[in-house]
Protein backbone atom coordinates (compact mmCIF):
# COMPACT_ATOMS: atom_id res chain seq x y z
CA LEU A 1 26.08 254.52 40.35
CA LEU A 2 29.59 255.83 41.97
CA GLY A 3 28.63 252.97 45.06
CA SER A 4 28.14 250.08 42.54
CA VAL A 5 31.73 248.11 41.78
CA ASP A 6 30.88 247.27 38.00
CA PHE A 7 30.55 251.05 37.17
CA MET A 8 33.66 252.16 39.15
CA MET A 9 35.69 248.90 38.36
CA ALA A 10 34.94 251.09 34.58
CA ALA A 11 35.87 254.30 35.23
CA VAL A 12 39.32 253.69 37.34
CA GLN A 13 40.09 251.43 34.28
CA GLU A 14 40.03 254.74 32.19
CA SER A 15 41.61 256.69 34.75
CA GLY A 16 42.84 255.37 37.72
CA THR A 17 42.09 258.18 40.26
CA ASN A 18 38.72 258.47 39.97
CA LEU A 19 38.42 255.72 42.50
CA ARG A 20 38.05 259.63 44.41
CA PHE A 21 34.42 259.55 43.28
CA GLY A 22 33.70 255.91 44.59
CA SER A 23 31.77 255.63 47.86
CA ASP A 24 34.00 253.90 50.90
CA GLU A 25 32.78 250.17 50.37
CA VAL A 26 34.15 251.15 46.22
CA ARG A 27 37.50 252.71 48.12
CA GLY A 28 37.53 249.54 49.92
CA ASN A 29 37.36 246.91 47.38
CA ARG A 30 40.45 244.96 46.41
CA GLU A 31 40.07 244.13 42.80
CA VAL A 32 39.15 248.47 42.23
CA VAL A 33 41.52 249.76 44.41
CA CYS A 34 44.02 247.35 42.38
CA THR A 35 42.67 248.40 38.84
CA ALA A 36 43.77 252.18 39.87
CA ILE A 37 47.02 251.84 41.08
CA ARG A 38 47.37 249.80 37.65
CA GLU A 39 46.19 252.56 35.72
CA THR A 40 48.69 254.65 38.07
CA GLY A 41 50.40 254.22 41.66
CA LEU A 42 48.46 257.52 42.69
CA ALA A 43 45.75 256.08 42.89
CA LEU A 44 46.70 254.56 46.66
CA LEU A 45 45.43 258.17 47.90
CA TYR A 46 42.30 257.58 47.26
CA ALA A 47 41.77 254.24 48.90
CA SER A 48 40.23 253.48 52.48
CA GLU A 49 42.80 253.20 54.77
CA SER A 50 43.41 249.48 54.88
CA PHE A 51 45.01 249.95 51.57
CA ARG A 52 46.70 252.16 52.96
CA ARG A 53 48.51 249.81 55.03
CA ASP A 54 49.37 246.43 52.50
CA PRO A 55 52.80 246.18 51.90
CA ASP A 56 51.41 244.61 48.90
CA ILE A 57 49.33 246.73 47.87
CA VAL A 58 51.81 249.92 48.57
CA LEU A 59 54.74 248.03 46.69
CA ASP A 60 52.80 247.77 43.38
CA ALA A 61 51.09 250.95 43.33
CA VAL A 62 55.10 252.85 44.63
CA GLN A 63 56.74 250.76 41.68
CA ARG A 64 54.35 252.67 38.52
CA ASN A 65 55.05 255.86 40.58
CA GLY A 66 57.31 256.89 42.84
CA MET A 67 55.74 259.98 44.34
CA ALA A 68 52.91 258.11 45.81
CA LEU A 69 54.73 256.83 48.58
CA GLU A 70 53.64 259.69 49.97
CA TYR A 71 50.21 258.49 50.38
CA ALA A 72 51.30 254.97 52.23
CA ALA A 73 51.29 254.60 56.16
CA ASP A 74 54.00 255.69 57.97
CA GLU A 75 55.22 252.89 59.14
CA LEU A 76 54.90 251.27 55.00
CA ARG A 77 57.42 254.84 54.43
CA ALA A 78 59.64 253.69 56.34
CA ASP A 79 60.05 250.22 55.28
CA PRO A 80 63.56 249.92 53.44
CA SER A 81 62.09 247.67 50.64
CA ILE A 82 58.92 250.12 49.29
CA VAL A 83 61.18 253.20 49.54
CA MET A 84 63.88 251.70 47.57
CA ALA A 85 61.66 250.84 44.99
CA ALA A 86 59.95 254.31 45.50
CA VAL A 87 62.79 255.71 44.80
CA GLN A 88 64.34 253.77 41.79
CA GLU A 89 60.72 254.55 39.90
CA GLN A 90 60.96 258.57 41.36
CA GLY A 91 64.12 259.85 43.01
CA GLU A 92 62.16 262.81 44.09
CA ALA A 93 60.36 259.78 46.75
CA LEU A 94 62.75 260.44 48.59
CA GLN A 95 60.87 263.41 50.25
CA PHE A 96 57.90 260.89 51.80
CA VAL A 97 60.66 259.11 53.40
CA PHE A 98 59.83 258.44 57.01
CA GLY A 99 61.75 257.39 59.98
CA GLU A 100 65.97 258.12 60.39
CA ARG A 101 66.62 253.85 59.51
CA CYS A 102 65.02 255.16 55.77
CA LYS A 103 66.35 258.67 55.91
CA LEU A 104 70.03 257.01 56.52
CA ASP A 105 70.06 254.58 54.43
CA GLN A 106 73.17 255.38 52.10
CA GLU A 107 72.20 253.07 49.20
CA ILE A 108 68.30 254.79 49.57
CA ALA A 109 70.28 258.61 49.21
CA LEU A 110 72.19 256.95 46.53
CA ALA A 111 70.00 255.82 44.44
CA ALA A 112 67.59 258.33 44.74
CA VAL A 113 70.10 260.38 43.61
CA ARG A 114 71.13 258.05 40.72
CA ARG A 115 67.76 258.08 39.30
CA THR A 116 67.09 261.82 39.66
CA ALA A 117 69.87 263.75 40.42
CA ALA A 118 67.43 266.68 42.27
CA ALA A 119 66.91 264.31 45.24
CA LEU A 120 69.96 265.48 46.73
CA ARG A 121 67.97 267.88 47.92
CA HIS A 122 66.22 265.75 49.95
CA VAL A 123 69.36 263.82 51.34
CA HIS A 124 69.74 264.09 55.42
CA PHE A 125 72.64 266.45 56.02
CA ALA A 126 74.04 263.72 58.00
CA ILE A 127 74.95 261.02 55.04
């Protein structure tokens, strides 16, 4: 059953994190992954690596739960538009930013702190 797209589609509609129980084939199925992420952005953790590198999938995930940035591929954790979307949803997502470009971006830092004051502890010391 865990390899059945229909079965897993029903499971991720109930809870996106049920994606973790799917076979590799199911976790690589775009429709199932998108449905799981619509239920919770944190389902990105269980998506196949190719989806963790997909800017559209990752953007959707971080807009639903900024903390999903943790599970994105490094190059997307360094993408200013994806990072901004993540910190605007959850300021503490700032801790998962990769690369100096975004870590030193004052607009990103300000957006994070405006969203969640606790994000201040993740602001780069050079800002």
